[in-house]
Amino acid sequence: MNIVMKSKKKALSILLISIIVVFVSFRYYNDFKSYILLKNNTAKTTGIIVDYYEIGLSSFYMKYSYTVNGRVYTKTVNPDKLFDNCEDDKKCINTEIYILYSKKEPSISKPILDPDIADL
């Protein structure tokens, strides 16, 4: 009986590790696919900041919206540039920003928050 329990625990551990490996691999594949689509087939448009909030002590998230060919897309990202106090006073809401998106798959996008590189 003890051997059966040990083999069940080992099988469960292997299954759990396999699920984690598959999940991480899928995540990296999707990130890489998005990177390639943005790099090779990019267009630029404008969008607006819809929401800006903090989860925890220093994890900021920005929700933005943009339109391509009459379809509205909304995405949430961890921004590479922080807006001072926006999570409190919401002054950045409705601020116009540049968005890079894939012409092939417009739902894949990246906000450009640095004005020095907005002229891509």
N, C-alpha and C. Protein backbone atom coordinates (compact mmCIF):
# COMPACT_ATOMS: atom_id res chain seq x y z
N MET A 1 0.82 -1.19 0.00
CA MET A 1 0.00 0.00 0.00
C MET A 1 0.86 1.25 0.00
N ASN A 2 1.92 1.27 0.75
CA ASN A 2 2.82 2.41 0.81
C ASN A 2 3.48 2.67 -0.54
N ILE A 3 3.79 1.61 -1.26
CA ILE A 3 4.39 1.75 -2.59
C ILE A 3 3.40 2.38 -3.57
N VAL A 4 2.14 2.00 -3.43
CA VAL A 4 1.09 2.57 -4.29
C VAL A 4 0.96 4.07 -4.04
N MET A 5 0.98 4.49 -2.80
CA MET A 5 0.87 5.91 -2.47
C MET A 5 2.05 6.69 -3.01
N LYS A 6 3.26 6.12 -2.88
CA LYS A 6 4.44 6.79 -3.40
C LYS A 6 4.38 6.92 -4.92
N SER A 7 3.91 5.91 -5.60
CA SER A 7 3.83 5.98 -7.07
C SER A 7 2.74 6.97 -7.50
N LYS A 8 1.66 7.07 -6.74
CA LYS A 8 0.62 8.06 -7.05
C LYS A 8 1.15 9.48 -6.85
N LYS A 9 1.89 9.69 -5.77
CA LYS A 9 2.48 11.01 -5.53
C LYS A 9 3.47 11.37 -6.62
N LYS A 10 4.26 10.40 -7.04
CA LYS A 10 5.24 10.64 -8.11
C LYS A 10 4.54 10.96 -9.42
N ALA A 11 3.47 10.21 -9.73
CA ALA A 11 2.71 10.46 -10.96
C ALA A 11 2.05 11.84 -10.92
N LEU A 12 1.52 12.20 -9.76
CA LEU A 12 0.90 13.52 -9.61
C LEU A 12 1.94 14.63 -9.77
N SER A 13 3.11 14.44 -9.22
CA SER A 13 4.19 15.43 -9.37
C SER A 13 4.60 15.58 -10.82
N ILE A 14 4.73 14.47 -11.51
CA ILE A 14 5.10 14.52 -12.93
C ILE A 14 4.02 15.21 -13.74
N LEU A 15 2.76 14.92 -13.45
CA LEU A 15 1.65 15.56 -14.15
C LEU A 15 1.66 17.07 -13.91
N LEU A 16 1.85 17.47 -12.67
CA LEU A 16 1.88 18.90 -12.33
C LEU A 16 3.03 19.61 -13.04
N ILE A 17 4.21 19.02 -13.03
CA ILE A 17 5.36 19.62 -13.71
C ILE A 17 5.09 19.70 -15.22
N SER A 18 4.48 18.68 -15.78
CA SER A 18 4.17 18.68 -17.22
C SER A 18 3.20 19.80 -17.57
N ILE A 19 2.19 20.00 -16.73
CA ILE A 19 1.22 21.07 -16.97
C ILE A 19 1.90 22.43 -16.91
N ILE A 20 2.78 22.62 -15.95
CA ILE A 20 3.50 23.89 -15.83
C ILE A 20 4.38 24.12 -17.05
N VAL A 21 5.09 23.10 -17.50
CA VAL A 21 5.95 23.23 -18.68
C VAL A 21 5.13 23.58 -19.91
N VAL A 22 4.00 22.92 -20.09
CA VAL A 22 3.14 23.21 -21.25
C VAL A 22 2.62 24.64 -21.18
N PHE A 23 2.17 25.08 -20.00
CA PHE A 23 1.66 26.44 -19.84
C PHE A 23 2.73 27.48 -20.15
N VAL A 24 3.91 27.31 -19.59
CA VAL A 24 5.01 28.26 -19.81
C VAL A 24 5.42 28.27 -21.28
N SER A 25 5.49 27.09 -21.89
CA SER A 25 5.86 27.02 -23.31
C SER A 25 4.83 27.73 -24.18
N PHE A 26 3.55 27.52 -23.89
CA PHE A 26 2.48 28.17 -24.64
C PHE A 26 2.55 29.68 -24.48
N ARG A 27 2.82 30.14 -23.28
CA ARG A 27 2.92 31.57 -23.01
C ARG A 27 4.07 32.20 -23.79
N TYR A 28 5.24 31.55 -23.76
CA TYR A 28 6.39 32.07 -24.51
C TYR A 28 6.14 32.04 -26.01
N TYR A 29 5.48 31.01 -26.49
CA TYR A 29 5.17 30.92 -27.92
C TYR A 29 4.27 32.08 -28.33
N ASN A 30 3.23 32.36 -27.55
CA ASN A 30 2.32 33.46 -27.88
C ASN A 30 3.03 34.81 -27.82
N ASP A 31 3.89 35.01 -26.82
CA ASP A 31 4.65 36.26 -26.73
C ASP A 31 5.57 36.42 -27.93
N PHE A 32 6.24 35.34 -28.32
CA PHE A 32 7.15 35.39 -29.46
C PHE A 32 6.39 35.64 -30.76
N LYS A 33 5.25 34.99 -30.92
CA LYS A 33 4.41 35.18 -32.11
C LYS A 33 3.96 36.64 -32.21
N SER A 34 3.53 37.21 -31.09
CA SER A 34 3.11 38.61 -31.07
C SER A 34 4.27 39.53 -31.42
N TYR A 35 5.43 39.25 -30.88
CA TYR A 35 6.63 40.05 -31.16
C TYR A 35 6.95 40.03 -32.65
N ILE A 36 6.91 38.86 -33.27
CA ILE A 36 7.21 38.73 -34.70
C ILE A 36 6.16 39.47 -35.53
N LEU A 37 4.89 39.31 -35.20
CA LEU A 37 3.84 40.00 -35.96
C LEU A 37 3.98 41.52 -35.84
N LEU A 38 4.33 42.02 -34.67
CA LEU A 38 4.52 43.46 -34.52
C LEU A 38 5.77 43.94 -35.23
N LYS A 39 6.81 43.15 -35.22
CA LYS A 39 8.08 43.56 -35.82
C LYS A 39 8.00 43.60 -37.35
N ASN A 40 7.33 42.64 -37.94
CA ASN A 40 7.37 42.48 -39.39
C ASN A 40 6.20 43.11 -40.14
N ASN A 41 5.15 43.48 -39.46
CA ASN A 41 3.96 43.93 -40.18
C ASN A 41 3.24 45.00 -39.37
N THR A 42 3.93 46.10 -39.09
CA THR A 42 3.45 47.09 -38.14
C THR A 42 2.78 48.28 -38.81
N ALA A 43 1.75 48.76 -38.15
CA ALA A 43 1.12 50.02 -38.52
C ALA A 43 0.96 50.82 -37.21
N LYS A 44 0.72 52.11 -37.35
CA LYS A 44 0.57 52.98 -36.18
C LYS A 44 -0.77 53.68 -36.23
N THR A 45 -1.38 53.80 -35.08
CA THR A 45 -2.63 54.53 -34.95
C THR A 45 -2.61 55.24 -33.60
N THR A 46 -3.68 55.93 -33.29
CA THR A 46 -3.80 56.54 -31.98
C THR A 46 -4.88 55.82 -31.19
N GLY A 47 -4.74 55.91 -29.90
CA GLY A 47 -5.73 55.33 -29.00
C GLY A 47 -5.84 56.21 -27.78
N ILE A 48 -6.61 55.77 -26.81
CA ILE A 48 -6.75 56.54 -25.58
C ILE A 48 -6.56 55.62 -24.37
N ILE A 49 -6.10 56.21 -23.28
CA ILE A 49 -6.01 55.48 -22.02
C ILE A 49 -7.41 55.43 -21.43
N VAL A 50 -7.87 54.23 -21.15
CA VAL A 50 -9.22 54.03 -20.63
C VAL A 50 -9.22 53.91 -19.11
N ASP A 51 -8.17 53.28 -18.56
CA ASP A 51 -8.08 53.12 -17.12
C ASP A 51 -6.61 52.97 -16.73
N TYR A 52 -6.31 53.32 -15.50
CA TYR A 52 -4.95 53.23 -14.99
C TYR A 52 -5.06 52.93 -13.51
N TYR A 53 -4.49 51.81 -13.08
CA TYR A 53 -4.68 51.41 -11.69
C TYR A 53 -3.47 50.64 -11.18
N GLU A 54 -3.42 50.51 -9.86
CA GLU A 54 -2.32 49.83 -9.20
C GLU A 54 -2.88 48.61 -8.46
N ILE A 55 -2.18 47.50 -8.60
CA ILE A 55 -2.51 46.31 -7.83
C ILE A 55 -1.29 46.01 -6.97
N GLY A 56 -1.48 45.96 -5.69
CA GLY A 56 -0.35 45.75 -4.79
C GLY A 56 0.38 47.05 -4.55
N LEU A 57 1.66 46.94 -4.24
CA LEU A 57 2.44 48.13 -3.90
C LEU A 57 3.01 48.86 -5.10
N SER A 58 3.38 48.15 -6.14
CA SER A 58 4.02 48.85 -7.26
C SER A 58 3.76 48.18 -8.61
N SER A 59 2.64 47.52 -8.75
CA SER A 59 2.28 46.92 -10.03
C SER A 59 1.20 47.76 -10.69
N PHE A 60 1.60 48.57 -11.65
CA PHE A 60 0.66 49.46 -12.34
C PHE A 60 0.18 48.80 -13.62
N TYR A 61 -1.08 49.05 -13.94
CA TYR A 61 -1.68 48.52 -15.15
C TYR A 61 -2.41 49.64 -15.86
N MET A 62 -2.33 49.60 -17.17
CA MET A 62 -2.98 50.61 -18.00
C MET A 62 -3.86 49.89 -19.01
N LYS A 63 -5.10 50.30 -19.09
CA LYS A 63 -6.02 49.78 -20.10
C LYS A 63 -6.14 50.85 -21.18
N TYR A 64 -5.96 50.46 -22.42
CA TYR A 64 -6.08 51.40 -23.53
C TYR A 64 -6.99 50.83 -24.60
N SER A 65 -7.48 51.72 -25.42
CA SER A 65 -8.42 51.35 -26.47
C SER A 65 -8.01 52.03 -27.77
N TYR A 66 -8.18 51.33 -28.88
CA TYR A 66 -7.88 51.88 -30.19
C TYR A 66 -8.79 51.24 -31.22
N THR A 67 -8.91 51.88 -32.37
CA THR A 67 -9.81 51.39 -33.42
C THR A 67 -9.02 51.14 -34.69
N VAL A 68 -9.25 49.98 -35.30
CA VAL A 68 -8.65 49.64 -36.59
C VAL A 68 -9.76 49.09 -37.48
N ASN A 69 -9.91 49.70 -38.65
CA ASN A 69 -10.94 49.27 -39.61
C ASN A 69 -12.34 49.19 -38.98
N GLY A 70 -12.67 50.16 -38.14
CA GLY A 70 -13.99 50.22 -37.53
C GLY A 70 -14.20 49.31 -36.34
N ARG A 71 -13.21 48.51 -36.00
CA ARG A 71 -13.33 47.61 -34.86
C ARG A 71 -12.53 48.17 -33.68
N VAL A 72 -13.14 48.18 -32.50
CA VAL A 72 -12.51 48.72 -31.29
C VAL A 72 -11.80 47.57 -30.56
N TYR A 73 -10.55 47.82 -30.20
CA TYR A 73 -9.76 46.86 -29.43
C TYR A 73 -9.41 47.50 -28.09
N THR A 74 -9.46 46.72 -27.03
CA THR A 74 -9.08 47.18 -25.70
C THR A 74 -8.09 46.19 -25.11
N LYS A 75 -6.99 46.70 -24.63
CA LYS A 75 -5.94 45.84 -24.05
C LYS A 75 -5.51 46.42 -22.71
N THR A 76 -4.98 45.57 -21.86
CA THR A 76 -4.41 45.97 -20.58
C THR A 76 -2.95 45.54 -20.54
N VAL A 77 -2.08 46.46 -20.18
CA VAL A 77 -0.65 46.17 -20.12
C VAL A 77 -0.06 46.73 -18.83
N ASN A 78 1.11 46.26 -18.53
CA ASN A 78 1.93 46.82 -17.47
C ASN A 78 2.80 47.86 -18.17
N PRO A 79 2.52 49.16 -18.00
CA PRO A 79 3.20 50.17 -18.82
C PRO A 79 4.67 50.32 -18.49
N ASP A 80 5.46 50.62 -19.54
CA ASP A 80 6.89 50.84 -19.33
C ASP A 80 7.19 52.27 -18.88
N LYS A 81 6.21 53.14 -18.93
CA LYS A 81 6.34 54.51 -18.43
C LYS A 81 5.19 54.75 -17.47
N LEU A 82 5.49 55.25 -16.29
CA LEU A 82 4.45 55.49 -15.30
C LEU A 82 3.95 56.92 -15.39
N PHE A 83 2.67 57.07 -15.17
CA PHE A 83 2.05 58.40 -15.12
C PHE A 83 1.92 58.78 -13.65
N ASP A 84 2.51 59.90 -13.27
CA ASP A 84 2.51 60.33 -11.88
C ASP A 84 1.09 60.49 -11.35
N ASN A 85 0.79 59.80 -10.27
CA ASN A 85 -0.47 59.89 -9.53
C ASN A 85 -1.72 59.60 -10.35
N CYS A 86 -1.57 59.05 -11.52
CA CYS A 86 -2.76 58.81 -12.34
C CYS A 86 -3.69 57.79 -11.70
N GLU A 87 -3.13 56.83 -10.95
CA GLU A 87 -4.00 55.85 -10.31
C GLU A 87 -4.88 56.51 -9.25
N ASP A 88 -4.48 57.70 -8.77
CA ASP A 88 -5.27 58.41 -7.77
C ASP A 88 -6.19 59.46 -8.38
N ASP A 89 -5.62 60.35 -9.19
CA ASP A 89 -6.42 61.47 -9.70
C ASP A 89 -7.02 61.22 -11.09
N LYS A 90 -6.60 60.15 -11.75
CA LYS A 90 -7.14 59.73 -13.05
C LYS A 90 -6.99 60.79 -14.15
N LYS A 91 -6.02 61.70 -14.02
CA LYS A 91 -5.83 62.75 -15.03
C LYS A 91 -5.35 62.19 -16.37
N CYS A 92 -4.75 61.00 -16.36
CA CYS A 92 -4.26 60.45 -17.62
C CYS A 92 -5.37 59.77 -18.43
N ILE A 93 -6.52 59.54 -17.82
CA ILE A 93 -7.64 58.92 -18.53
C ILE A 93 -8.05 59.81 -19.69
N ASN A 94 -8.29 59.20 -20.83
CA ASN A 94 -8.65 59.86 -22.10
C ASN A 94 -7.47 60.57 -22.75
N THR A 95 -6.25 60.36 -22.22
CA THR A 95 -5.06 60.89 -22.88
C THR A 95 -4.82 60.11 -24.17
N GLU A 96 -4.57 60.81 -25.24
CA GLU A 96 -4.30 60.16 -26.52
C GLU A 96 -2.87 59.64 -26.54
N ILE A 97 -2.70 58.40 -26.98
CA ILE A 97 -1.39 57.78 -27.09
C ILE A 97 -1.26 57.11 -28.45
N TYR A 98 -0.02 56.85 -28.86
CA TYR A 98 0.22 56.11 -30.09
C TYR A 98 0.21 54.62 -29.80
N ILE A 99 -0.30 53.87 -30.76
CA ILE A 99 -0.38 52.42 -30.65
C ILE A 99 0.26 51.81 -31.89
N LEU A 100 1.18 50.88 -31.69
CA LEU A 100 1.68 50.06 -32.78
C LEU A 100 0.85 48.78 -32.78
N TYR A 101 0.38 48.37 -33.96
CA TYR A 101 -0.41 47.15 -34.05
C TYR A 101 0.01 46.36 -35.28
N SER A 102 -0.33 45.10 -35.27
CA SER A 102 -0.02 44.23 -36.41
C SER A 102 -1.10 44.40 -37.47
N LYS A 103 -0.68 44.69 -38.70
CA LYS A 103 -1.66 44.81 -39.79
C LYS A 103 -2.34 43.46 -40.05
N LYS A 104 -1.61 42.39 -39.81
CA LYS A 104 -2.14 41.05 -40.03
C LYS A 104 -3.13 40.64 -38.93
N GLU A 105 -2.85 41.05 -37.71
CA GLU A 105 -3.69 40.70 -36.56
C GLU A 105 -3.80 41.94 -35.66
N PRO A 106 -4.76 42.84 -35.97
CA PRO A 106 -4.85 44.12 -35.26
C PRO A 106 -5.06 44.02 -33.74
N SER A 107 -5.47 42.87 -33.26
CA SER A 107 -5.64 42.74 -31.80
C SER A 107 -4.30 42.67 -31.09
N ILE A 108 -3.22 42.45 -31.82
CA ILE A 108 -1.88 42.43 -31.24
C ILE A 108 -1.32 43.83 -31.34
N SER A 109 -1.04 44.43 -30.19
CA SER A 109 -0.63 45.83 -30.19
C SER A 109 0.31 46.12 -29.03
N LYS A 110 0.89 47.32 -29.12
CA LYS A 110 1.78 47.80 -28.07
C LYS A 110 1.64 49.32 -28.00
N PRO A 111 1.38 49.85 -26.80
CA PRO A 111 1.30 51.31 -26.68
C PRO A 111 2.69 51.92 -26.69
N ILE A 112 2.82 53.08 -27.33
CA ILE A 112 4.08 53.83 -27.36
C ILE A 112 3.87 55.03 -26.44
N LEU A 113 4.47 54.95 -25.26
CA LEU A 113 4.25 56.00 -24.26
C LEU A 113 5.39 56.99 -24.19
N ASP A 114 6.48 56.72 -24.88
CA ASP A 114 7.64 57.61 -24.89
C ASP A 114 7.52 58.56 -26.08
N PRO A 115 7.34 59.86 -25.86
CA PRO A 115 7.16 60.79 -26.97
C PRO A 115 8.38 60.86 -27.90
N ASP A 116 9.56 60.47 -27.41
CA ASP A 116 10.76 60.51 -28.25
C ASP A 116 10.74 59.45 -29.34
N ILE A 117 9.99 58.37 -29.15
CA ILE A 117 9.95 57.34 -30.18
C ILE A 117 8.58 57.24 -30.84
N ALA A 118 7.72 58.19 -30.59
CA ALA A 118 6.36 58.15 -31.15
C ALA A 118 6.37 58.40 -32.66
N ASP A 119 7.45 58.91 -33.21
CA ASP A 119 7.51 59.21 -34.64
C ASP A 119 8.03 58.04 -35.45
N LEU A 120 7.73 56.82 -35.07
CA LEU A 120 8.19 55.64 -35.79
C LEU A 120 7.55 55.54 -37.15
